[in-house]
Amino acid sequence: MAEPISYSIKQQLATMAIILLFIFSAVSYWGANKYGQRAAQLSYDRLLTGAAFQMAENIRLQEGRVIVDLPRSAFDTLALAPDDRVFYAIDIVGGTHITGYEGLPESDNQEAAPSMEGSVGQLPVSFFEADYSGEPVRFVTVERVLKDLGVAKTVRVKIGQTLLARNGLADGISWRALQVVGGIILVALVVIMFGIWMILRPLNKLNLALGKRSPVDLKPLNLNVPQEVRPLLQTINHFMSQLASTLDGLKRYTGEAAHQIRTPLAGLKSQAQNALNEHDPELRQEQLKRVVECTDMLSSTVSQLLNRAQLAHRLRSESFNDVPLDRLIEEVCREIAVSALHQGVEVAYLGHASVVISGDLFSLKQMVRNIIENAIQYSPKNSVVEVDLRSEPDSDGPVISISDQGPGIPEEEREHVFEQFYRSPNNPRSGSGLGLAIAQEVAAHHDAHLQLKDNFPRGLTVEILFHGKATR
């Protein structure tokens, strides 16, 4: 049988934690990067807007002519990004170029892409990006209407700045955010690994406690474990309790079985030695008969012991299935009818009910067989063992009754006949003492019980009462 695939809980938890942390770090970095880009964009857009406003405020209309007085403060503002190049142009809308760089890109150029529009104060402002002089440039456009003596002209101030400083600021913000996220992830990973170790620590304690136990130490484990592990501890303790009970029962059963086998073996040996030394043919014949009787008793005892061992295993391992009681009883009666006739006893099945119960077919068959064979053993010659199956509507469950015409069992012995290896001291035909004990164990496993009654005018009736077991 192939071994089941082994997997590590620690590895699974660590893998899940790492995956979650990776997703968290990726989302955090993406968010920080977006935030850095937006923060840098807004910061340098304000510088561009401020410089454009300063230029626009220093343009006036005098006698129909546009006079431009470029303020130094505007260029000082743009100088806050020393590595960037600055381009500017002042034009009359729909008219001539006044000063600055000619041919700067327009916002409706195919290479331009307006990204934000709005207004600051009374001057309309628009931003766009375009390539100029081989570099990507961010432009701001501010328009102002000039009026003098009934003459009105609209001037446009356009300032562009390369993206080195703002990209550097965005990268710096992203890098710092990545450092913070990396630190958080490192600390979280350490905490998670420590938490996994703490979570699995009770299982390791349980493993060590079991590993230190001797093979015969089946006392319950008493460990301080979390609530989630306590059901496992309780299951282990329950299993060890069952195992201890099984081993104790097996020890007692083995001792009793050895004694029961040793007794007929000793008798067999004694009778065989007497027969070897006996010269009287009649006495030798009697001794040989006793040898055969001891052999039969030994064979019966060994057979019952094997059945008992097989039933003990089945009662612990086999699941229940639907069992038709009527067909089961018919099969048992047919199987033992011939041997019963050899003993001068007839077996009669009187039942006509059709009853199906939930149980184990093999063990139920052994139970019925043992009780019928026990009845045959104690029945006189030319008698009948009657087997009946009843399923009355007002009864708790089906009832199997097995009646013989033997000597019966005295009241004072009935509480002992279901004990293992019990033999009646008043009956020389007592068997191995296991048949009714096995039947009682099978009945208890099927939520049934055995009841002994007197059979009139003589004999014994054994009833098997099943409690609520009939399925139909």
Protein backbone atom coordinates (compact mmCIF):
# COMPACT_ATOMS: atom_id res chain seq x y z
CA MET A 1 0.00 0.00 0.00
CA ALA A 2 1.45 3.36 -1.02
CA GLU A 3 2.22 5.77 1.79
CA PRO A 4 0.05 8.90 1.90
CA ILE A 5 1.65 12.07 0.60
CA SER A 6 3.13 14.05 3.47
CA TYR A 7 2.88 17.81 3.65
CA SER A 8 4.06 20.44 6.10
CA ILE A 9 1.59 22.69 7.91
CA LYS A 10 4.42 25.08 8.69
CA GLN A 11 5.40 25.29 5.03
CA GLN A 12 1.78 25.82 3.94
CA LEU A 13 1.23 28.59 6.49
CA ALA A 14 4.54 30.24 5.58
CA THR A 15 3.76 30.02 1.86
CA MET A 16 0.32 31.58 2.34
CA ALA A 17 1.81 34.35 4.51
CA ILE A 18 4.53 35.11 1.94
CA ILE A 19 1.96 35.22 -0.87
CA LEU A 20 -0.24 37.61 1.11
CA LEU A 21 2.73 39.80 2.02
CA PHE A 22 3.86 39.86 -1.62
CA ILE A 23 0.38 40.93 -2.74
CA PHE A 24 0.31 43.56 0.01
CA SER A 25 3.77 44.87 -0.95
CA ALA A 26 2.87 45.01 -4.66
CA VAL A 27 -0.37 46.89 -3.98
CA SER A 28 1.39 49.20 -1.50
CA TYR A 29 4.21 49.96 -3.92
CA TRP A 30 1.78 50.60 -6.75
CA GLY A 31 -0.23 52.95 -4.55
CA ALA A 32 2.90 54.71 -3.27
CA ASN A 33 4.19 55.10 -6.82
CA LYS A 34 0.91 56.61 -7.96
CA TYR A 35 0.87 58.88 -4.94
CA GLY A 36 4.49 59.96 -5.57
CA GLN A 37 3.78 60.77 -9.19
CA ARG A 38 0.68 62.77 -8.29
CA ALA A 39 2.41 64.58 -5.43
CA ALA A 40 5.37 65.52 -7.65
CA GLN A 41 3.02 66.57 -10.44
CA LEU A 42 1.00 68.84 -8.17
CA SER A 43 4.10 70.35 -6.54
CA TYR A 44 5.84 71.33 -9.75
CA ASP A 45 2.57 72.31 -11.44
CA ARG A 46 2.16 74.88 -8.68
CA LEU A 47 5.67 76.20 -9.39
CA LEU A 48 4.87 76.49 -13.10
CA THR A 49 1.52 78.15 -12.39
CA GLY A 50 3.11 80.60 -9.96
CA ALA A 51 5.77 81.60 -12.45
CA ALA A 52 3.18 81.98 -15.22
CA PHE A 53 1.00 84.19 -13.00
CA GLN A 54 3.95 86.38 -12.09
CA MET A 55 4.74 86.87 -15.78
CA ALA A 56 1.09 87.47 -16.67
CA GLU A 57 0.70 90.07 -13.92
CA ASN A 58 3.70 92.01 -15.26
CA ILE A 59 2.26 92.43 -18.78
CA ARG A 60 0.37 95.65 -19.53
CA LEU A 61 -1.20 97.42 -22.47
CA GLN A 62 0.01 100.96 -23.09
CA GLU A 63 -1.18 103.05 -26.05
CA GLY A 64 -2.15 99.90 -27.90
CA ARG A 65 1.23 98.30 -27.39
CA VAL A 66 1.88 95.21 -25.20
CA ILE A 67 4.69 95.87 -22.76
CA VAL A 68 6.31 92.90 -21.00
CA ASP A 69 8.38 93.32 -17.85
CA LEU A 70 9.62 89.80 -16.98
CA PRO A 71 9.96 89.51 -13.20
CA ARG A 72 13.12 87.95 -11.79
CA SER A 73 11.05 86.18 -9.12
CA ALA A 74 9.38 84.03 -11.78
CA PHE A 75 12.71 82.61 -12.87
CA ASP A 76 13.82 82.25 -9.25
CA THR A 77 10.76 80.08 -8.68
CA LEU A 78 11.60 77.86 -11.65
CA ALA A 79 15.21 77.67 -10.49
CA LEU A 80 14.06 75.45 -7.61
CA ALA A 81 14.53 72.60 -10.12
CA PRO A 82 18.14 73.43 -11.15
CA ASP A 83 18.58 70.39 -13.44
CA ASP A 84 15.51 71.13 -15.54
CA ARG A 85 15.42 73.30 -18.64
CA VAL A 86 12.74 76.01 -18.88
CA PHE A 87 11.04 77.31 -22.03
CA TYR A 88 8.66 80.23 -22.17
CA ALA A 89 6.77 82.25 -24.75
CA ILE A 90 4.46 85.26 -24.60
CA ASP A 91 2.10 85.72 -27.55
CA ILE A 92 -0.91 87.71 -28.48
CA VAL A 93 -3.75 85.30 -29.06
CA GLY A 94 -4.45 85.25 -32.74
CA GLY A 95 -1.64 87.72 -33.25
CA THR A 96 2.12 88.06 -33.09
CA HIS A 97 4.82 86.54 -30.96
CA ILE A 98 6.09 88.96 -28.33
CA THR A 99 9.02 87.31 -26.58
CA GLY A 100 10.51 83.98 -25.59
CA TYR A 101 10.84 80.79 -27.61
CA GLU A 102 9.05 80.66 -30.89
CA GLY A 103 7.34 77.52 -32.03
CA LEU A 104 6.53 75.98 -28.68
CA PRO A 105 4.00 73.12 -28.95
CA GLU A 106 0.32 73.86 -28.76
CA SER A 107 -2.10 71.88 -26.62
CA ASP A 108 -4.00 70.69 -29.69
CA ASN A 109 -0.85 69.33 -31.32
CA GLN A 110 -0.95 65.63 -32.12
CA GLU A 111 2.00 65.06 -29.81
CA ALA A 112 0.37 67.00 -26.99
CA ALA A 113 -1.91 65.47 -24.41
CA PRO A 114 -3.78 67.80 -22.05
CA SER A 115 -3.90 66.23 -18.62
CA MET A 116 -5.69 68.77 -16.43
CA GLU A 117 -7.76 71.93 -16.88
CA GLY A 118 -9.01 74.41 -14.33
CA SER A 119 -8.74 78.03 -13.27
CA VAL A 120 -6.75 79.77 -10.62
CA GLY A 121 -8.02 83.20 -9.65
CA GLN A 122 -9.42 85.03 -12.68
CA LEU A 123 -6.94 83.60 -15.20
CA PRO A 124 -7.77 80.43 -17.14
CA VAL A 125 -5.04 77.79 -16.81
CA SER A 126 -4.40 74.59 -18.76
CA PHE A 127 -1.63 71.99 -18.64
CA PHE A 128 -0.32 69.63 -21.24
CA GLU A 129 2.75 67.56 -21.97
CA ALA A 130 4.65 67.38 -25.22
CA ASP A 131 8.12 66.60 -26.54
CA TYR A 132 10.25 69.63 -27.24
CA SER A 133 13.90 69.89 -28.04
CA GLY A 134 14.22 66.12 -27.71
CA GLU A 135 12.84 65.97 -24.17
CA PRO A 136 9.42 65.48 -22.57
CA VAL A 137 8.21 68.83 -21.29
CA ARG A 138 5.34 69.84 -19.05
CA PHE A 139 3.66 73.11 -20.23
CA VAL A 140 1.32 75.51 -18.49
CA THR A 141 -0.71 78.08 -20.42
CA VAL A 142 -2.19 81.21 -18.82
CA GLU A 143 -4.26 83.74 -20.76
CA ARG A 144 -4.93 87.33 -19.67
CA VAL A 145 -7.11 90.01 -21.27
CA LEU A 146 -5.50 93.49 -21.37
CA LYS A 147 -7.61 96.62 -21.79
CA ASP A 148 -6.59 100.25 -22.34
CA LEU A 149 -8.57 103.14 -23.83
CA GLY A 150 -11.15 100.86 -25.36
CA VAL A 151 -8.54 98.51 -26.79
CA ALA A 152 -8.54 94.89 -25.61
CA LYS A 153 -5.97 92.24 -26.35
CA THR A 154 -5.56 88.69 -25.00
CA VAL A 155 -2.03 87.59 -24.23
CA ARG A 156 -0.99 84.02 -23.62
CA VAL A 157 1.87 83.07 -21.30
CA LYS A 158 3.24 79.60 -21.93
CA ILE A 159 5.95 78.11 -19.72
CA GLY A 160 7.43 74.64 -20.12
CA GLN A 161 9.73 72.67 -17.84
CA THR A 162 11.44 69.34 -18.37
CA LEU A 163 10.46 66.44 -16.09
CA LEU A 164 13.74 65.58 -14.41
CA ALA A 165 12.97 67.12 -11.00
CA ARG A 166 9.39 65.92 -10.79
CA ASN A 167 10.39 62.39 -11.88
CA GLY A 168 13.17 62.45 -9.32
CA LEU A 169 10.73 63.55 -6.61
CA ALA A 170 8.25 60.84 -7.61
CA ASP A 171 11.00 58.20 -7.59
CA GLY A 172 12.22 59.42 -4.20
CA ILE A 173 8.74 59.17 -2.70
CA SER A 174 8.29 55.71 -4.21
CA TRP A 175 11.69 54.56 -2.94
CA ARG A 176 11.00 55.77 0.59
CA ALA A 177 7.59 54.12 0.49
CA LEU A 178 9.23 50.91 -0.74
CA GLN A 179 11.69 51.05 2.16
CA VAL A 180 8.86 51.50 4.65
CA VAL A 181 6.86 48.67 3.06
CA GLY A 182 9.94 46.43 2.99
CA GLY A 183 10.57 47.09 6.68
CA ILE A 184 6.96 46.36 7.52
CA ILE A 185 7.07 43.13 5.49
CA LEU A 186 10.29 42.02 7.17
CA VAL A 187 8.85 42.63 10.64
CA ALA A 188 5.57 40.99 9.64
CA LEU A 189 7.41 37.96 8.29
CA VAL A 190 9.35 37.55 11.54
CA VAL A 191 6.15 37.91 13.56
CA ILE A 192 4.30 35.43 11.32
CA MET A 193 7.08 32.83 11.55
CA PHE A 194 7.14 33.24 15.32
CA GLY A 195 3.35 32.93 15.38
CA ILE A 196 3.50 29.75 13.27
CA TRP A 197 6.08 28.31 15.69
CA MET A 198 3.85 29.21 18.63
CA ILE A 199 0.80 27.68 16.92
CA LEU A 200 2.59 24.41 16.16
CA ARG A 201 4.38 24.24 19.49
CA PRO A 202 1.51 22.32 21.23
CA LEU A 203 1.65 19.69 18.48
CA ASN A 204 5.39 19.33 19.04
CA LYS A 205 4.79 19.00 22.79
CA LEU A 206 2.19 16.35 22.11
CA ASN A 207 4.59 14.52 19.80
CA LEU A 208 7.38 14.62 22.39
CA ALA A 209 5.03 13.43 25.13
CA LEU A 210 3.95 10.46 23.00
CA GLY A 211 7.52 9.71 21.91
CA LYS A 212 8.72 9.48 25.52
CA ARG A 213 5.99 7.00 26.46
CA SER A 214 6.84 3.34 26.82
CA PRO A 215 4.86 0.94 24.60
CA VAL A 216 2.82 -0.26 27.61
CA ASP A 217 2.12 3.17 29.08
CA LEU A 218 -1.43 3.96 27.98
CA LYS A 219 -2.38 6.42 30.70
CA PRO A 220 -4.21 9.57 29.48
CA LEU A 221 -2.02 12.51 28.46
CA ASN A 222 -2.40 15.57 30.67
CA LEU A 223 -1.03 18.54 28.71
CA ASN A 224 -1.91 22.23 28.70
CA VAL A 225 -2.86 22.75 25.04
CA PRO A 226 -4.98 25.36 23.22
CA GLN A 227 -8.68 24.80 22.70
CA GLU A 228 -8.14 23.97 19.01
CA VAL A 229 -5.73 21.12 19.89
CA ARG A 230 -7.74 19.80 22.86
CA PRO A 231 -10.14 17.72 20.67
CA LEU A 232 -7.09 15.96 19.20
CA LEU A 233 -5.72 15.32 22.70
CA GLN A 234 -9.09 13.99 23.83
CA THR A 235 -9.27 11.71 20.78
CA ILE A 236 -5.78 10.36 21.48
CA ASN A 237 -6.66 9.76 25.15
CA HIS A 238 -9.90 8.04 24.10
CA PHE A 239 -8.01 5.87 21.64
CA MET A 240 -5.40 4.93 24.26
CA SER A 241 -8.18 4.15 26.73
CA GLN A 242 -9.82 1.84 24.19
CA LEU A 243 -6.48 0.25 23.41
CA ALA A 244 -5.73 -0.26 27.10
CA SER A 245 -9.15 -1.83 27.59
CA THR A 246 -8.62 -4.08 24.57
CA LEU A 247 -5.17 -5.15 25.77
CA ASP A 248 -6.45 -5.86 29.28
CA GLY A 249 -9.31 -7.89 27.86
CA LEU A 250 -6.93 -9.72 25.53
CA LYS A 251 -4.62 -10.48 28.45
CA ARG A 252 -7.45 -11.90 30.54
CA TYR A 253 -8.89 -13.71 27.56
CA THR A 254 -5.52 -15.22 26.64
CA GLY A 255 -4.97 -16.46 30.19
CA GLU A 256 -8.42 -17.99 30.39
CA ALA A 257 -8.10 -19.49 26.91
CA ALA A 258 -4.74 -21.05 27.78
CA HIS A 259 -6.26 -22.57 30.90
CA GLN A 260 -9.29 -23.88 28.97
CA ILE A 261 -7.06 -25.49 26.33
CA ARG A 262 -4.60 -26.87 28.87
CA THR A 263 -7.36 -28.73 30.76
CA PRO A 264 -8.61 -30.93 27.88
CA LEU A 265 -5.03 -31.46 26.73
CA ALA A 266 -4.07 -32.76 30.15
CA GLY A 267 -7.14 -35.03 30.21
CA LEU A 268 -6.40 -36.20 26.68
CA LYS A 269 -2.82 -37.07 27.58
CA SER A 270 -3.87 -38.83 30.78
CA GLN A 271 -6.54 -40.94 29.08
CA ALA A 272 -4.18 -41.82 26.21
CA GLN A 273 -1.45 -42.98 28.65
CA ASN A 274 -4.00 -45.04 30.63
CA ALA A 275 -5.20 -46.63 27.42
CA LEU A 276 -1.62 -47.59 26.50
CA ASN A 277 -1.09 -49.29 29.85
CA GLU A 278 -4.55 -50.88 30.12
CA HIS A 279 -4.80 -54.63 29.34
CA ASP A 280 -8.56 -54.98 29.84
CA PRO A 281 -10.18 -54.41 26.41
CA GLU A 282 -13.40 -53.04 27.85
CA LEU A 283 -11.65 -50.48 30.08
CA ARG A 284 -9.36 -49.55 27.19
CA GLN A 285 -12.43 -48.96 25.04
CA GLU A 286 -13.93 -46.65 27.68
CA GLN A 287 -10.66 -44.76 27.97
CA LEU A 288 -10.47 -44.31 24.20
CA LYS A 289 -14.04 -42.95 24.23
CA ARG A 290 -12.97 -40.38 26.81
CA VAL A 291 -9.99 -39.55 24.58
CA VAL A 292 -12.41 -38.83 21.75
CA GLU A 293 -14.59 -36.77 24.09
CA CYS A 294 -11.58 -34.71 25.19
CA THR A 295 -10.58 -34.28 21.57
CA ASP A 296 -14.07 -33.06 20.67
CA MET A 297 -14.06 -30.67 23.61
CA LEU A 298 -10.63 -29.35 22.62
CA SER A 299 -11.71 -28.97 18.99
CA SER A 300 -14.87 -27.13 20.05
CA THR A 301 -12.94 -24.85 22.39
CA VAL A 302 -10.34 -23.95 19.75
CA SER A 303 -13.06 -23.34 17.15
CA GLN A 304 -14.96 -21.07 19.56
CA LEU A 305 -11.76 -19.20 20.45
CA LEU A 306 -11.05 -18.54 16.77
CA ASN A 307 -14.62 -17.39 16.22
CA ARG A 308 -14.37 -15.15 19.28
CA ALA A 309 -11.17 -13.54 17.96
CA GLN A 310 -12.67 -13.01 14.50
CA LEU A 311 -15.85 -11.54 15.95
CA ALA A 312 -13.91 -9.19 18.24
CA HIS A 313 -12.16 -7.78 15.18
CA ARG A 314 -15.35 -7.47 13.11
CA LEU A 315 -17.34 -5.80 15.89
CA ARG A 316 -14.71 -3.05 16.04
CA SER A 317 -14.06 -2.60 12.33
CA GLU A 318 -17.05 -3.60 10.18
CA SER A 319 -19.88 -1.20 9.38
CA PHE A 320 -23.53 -2.23 9.48
CA ASN A 321 -25.54 -3.25 6.42
CA ASP A 322 -29.11 -4.43 5.82
CA VAL A 323 -29.49 -8.04 7.02
CA PRO A 324 -32.65 -10.10 6.29
CA LEU A 325 -33.17 -12.02 9.54
CA ASP A 326 -35.56 -14.58 8.07
CA ARG A 327 -33.10 -15.71 5.38
CA LEU A 328 -30.24 -15.68 7.89
CA ILE A 329 -32.11 -18.02 10.26
CA GLU A 330 -33.10 -20.33 7.39
CA GLU A 331 -29.46 -20.62 6.26
CA VAL A 332 -28.25 -21.43 9.79
CA CYS A 333 -30.97 -24.05 10.26
CA ARG A 334 -30.07 -25.71 6.95
CA GLU A 335 -26.36 -25.72 7.77
CA ILE A 336 -26.73 -27.47 11.13
CA ALA A 337 -29.75 -29.66 10.34
CA VAL A 338 -27.65 -32.68 9.31
CA SER A 339 -25.37 -32.63 12.34
CA ALA A 340 -28.42 -32.19 14.57
CA LEU A 341 -30.07 -35.28 13.03
CA HIS A 342 -26.91 -37.28 13.75
CA GLN A 343 -27.48 -36.41 17.40
CA GLY A 344 -31.14 -37.41 17.16
CA VAL A 345 -32.46 -33.82 17.28
CA GLU A 346 -34.65 -32.10 14.73
CA VAL A 347 -34.41 -28.35 14.02
CA ALA A 348 -37.67 -26.65 13.00
CA TYR A 349 -37.95 -23.08 11.78
CA LEU A 350 -41.47 -21.84 12.48
CA GLY A 351 -41.13 -18.17 11.54
CA HIS A 352 -42.94 -16.61 8.61
CA ALA A 353 -42.12 -12.93 9.18
CA SER A 354 -39.91 -11.03 6.77
CA VAL A 355 -37.65 -8.74 8.80
CA VAL A 356 -34.62 -6.68 7.73
CA ILE A 357 -32.36 -5.08 10.33
CA SER A 358 -29.15 -3.07 10.22
CA GLY A 359 -26.20 -5.12 11.43
CA ASP A 360 -23.21 -7.32 10.61
CA LEU A 361 -24.27 -10.48 8.78
CA PHE A 362 -21.36 -12.66 9.91
CA SER A 363 -21.59 -11.85 13.62
CA LEU A 364 -25.41 -12.16 13.68
CA LYS A 365 -25.10 -15.54 11.99
CA GLN A 366 -22.59 -16.70 14.59
CA MET A 367 -24.87 -15.53 17.40
CA VAL A 368 -27.90 -17.46 16.10
CA ARG A 369 -25.75 -20.51 15.30
CA ASN A 370 -24.20 -20.63 18.77
CA ILE A 371 -27.57 -20.47 20.50
CA ILE A 372 -29.10 -23.17 18.26
CA GLU A 373 -26.06 -25.44 18.66
CA ASN A 374 -26.22 -24.91 22.42
CA ALA A 375 -29.90 -25.94 22.35
CA ILE A 376 -29.08 -29.04 20.25
CA GLN A 377 -26.30 -30.03 22.62
CA TYR A 378 -28.59 -30.11 25.64
CA SER A 379 -31.62 -31.61 23.88
CA PRO A 380 -32.49 -35.30 24.39
CA LYS A 381 -32.77 -37.64 21.45
CA ASN A 382 -35.96 -37.62 19.40
CA SER A 383 -36.70 -34.01 20.47
CA VAL A 384 -37.22 -30.84 18.45
CA VAL A 385 -35.46 -27.47 18.68
CA GLU A 386 -37.93 -24.82 17.55
CA VAL A 387 -36.73 -21.53 16.05
CA ASP A 388 -39.18 -18.68 15.60
CA LEU A 389 -39.01 -15.07 14.32
CA ARG A 390 -41.68 -12.60 15.37
CA SER A 391 -42.22 -9.00 14.38
CA GLU A 392 -45.31 -7.71 16.10
CA PRO A 393 -46.58 -4.18 15.35
CA ASP A 394 -46.73 -3.19 19.03
CA SER A 395 -43.31 -4.63 19.92
CA ASP A 396 -40.12 -2.58 20.21
CA GLY A 397 -38.36 -4.68 17.58
CA PRO A 398 -38.12 -8.18 16.10
CA VAL A 399 -37.71 -11.17 18.42
CA ILE A 400 -35.93 -14.47 17.71
CA SER A 401 -36.83 -17.33 20.06
CA ILE A 402 -35.01 -20.69 20.23
CA SER A 403 -36.63 -23.38 22.38
CA ASP A 404 -35.30 -26.82 23.35
CA GLN A 405 -36.60 -29.69 25.49
CA GLY A 406 -33.48 -30.19 27.54
CA PRO A 407 -32.90 -29.93 31.28
CA GLY A 408 -33.07 -26.12 31.27
CA ILE A 409 -30.96 -23.79 33.41
CA PRO A 410 -31.67 -23.25 37.11
CA GLU A 411 -32.53 -19.70 38.15
CA GLU A 412 -29.38 -19.33 40.24
CA GLU A 413 -27.14 -20.10 37.22
CA ARG A 414 -28.81 -17.91 34.60
CA GLU A 415 -26.85 -14.81 35.55
CA HIS A 416 -23.59 -16.70 34.98
CA VAL A 417 -24.23 -18.55 31.70
CA PHE A 418 -23.25 -15.52 29.63
CA GLU A 419 -19.81 -15.34 31.26
CA GLN A 420 -16.83 -16.58 29.25
CA PHE A 421 -15.82 -20.21 29.92
CA TYR A 422 -18.62 -20.76 32.43
CA ARG A 423 -19.74 -24.36 32.64
CA SER A 424 -22.59 -25.58 34.75
CA PRO A 425 -21.30 -27.76 37.59
CA ASN A 426 -24.59 -29.68 37.52
CA ASN A 427 -24.49 -30.59 33.83
CA PRO A 428 -21.86 -33.06 32.60
CA ARG A 429 -22.59 -32.13 28.97
CA SER A 430 -21.33 -28.56 29.34
CA GLY A 431 -19.40 -27.33 26.33
CA SER A 432 -16.59 -24.79 25.97
CA GLY A 433 -18.43 -22.08 27.88
CA LEU A 434 -18.03 -19.58 25.04
CA GLY A 435 -21.14 -20.02 22.91
CA LEU A 436 -23.58 -17.93 24.95
CA ALA A 437 -20.86 -15.43 25.91
CA ILE A 438 -20.18 -14.77 22.22
CA ALA A 439 -23.91 -14.51 21.54
CA GLN A 440 -24.31 -11.99 24.37
CA GLU A 441 -21.45 -9.83 23.03
CA VAL A 442 -22.90 -9.82 19.49
CA ALA A 443 -26.35 -8.98 20.82
CA ALA A 444 -25.04 -6.06 22.89
CA HIS A 445 -23.21 -4.71 19.82
CA HIS A 446 -26.53 -4.74 17.92
CA ASP A 447 -28.49 -3.04 20.71
CA ALA A 448 -30.24 -6.28 21.61
CA HIS A 449 -30.30 -8.47 24.70
CA LEU A 450 -30.75 -12.14 25.47
CA GLN A 451 -33.51 -13.33 27.76
CA LEU A 452 -33.81 -16.85 29.25
CA LYS A 453 -37.26 -18.33 29.87
CA ASP A 454 -38.60 -21.73 30.85
CA ASN A 455 -40.04 -23.81 28.03
CA PHE A 456 -43.10 -25.81 29.09
CA PRO A 457 -43.43 -28.58 29.89
CA ARG A 458 -39.62 -28.73 30.04
CA GLY A 459 -36.57 -27.13 28.49
CA LEU A 460 -35.29 -23.62 27.93
CA THR A 461 -36.24 -20.77 25.60
CA VAL A 462 -33.64 -18.17 24.61
CA GLU A 463 -35.12 -14.95 23.22
CA ILE A 464 -33.12 -12.35 21.30
CA LEU A 465 -34.90 -9.00 21.56
CA PHE A 466 -33.81 -6.31 19.11
CA HIS A 467 -34.67 -2.77 20.22
CA GLY A 468 -36.00 -0.68 17.35
CA LYS A 469 -33.75 -2.43 14.84
CA ALA A 470 -36.21 -3.43 12.13
CA THR A 471 -35.85 -1.37 8.93
CA ARG A 472 -38.92 -2.90 7.34
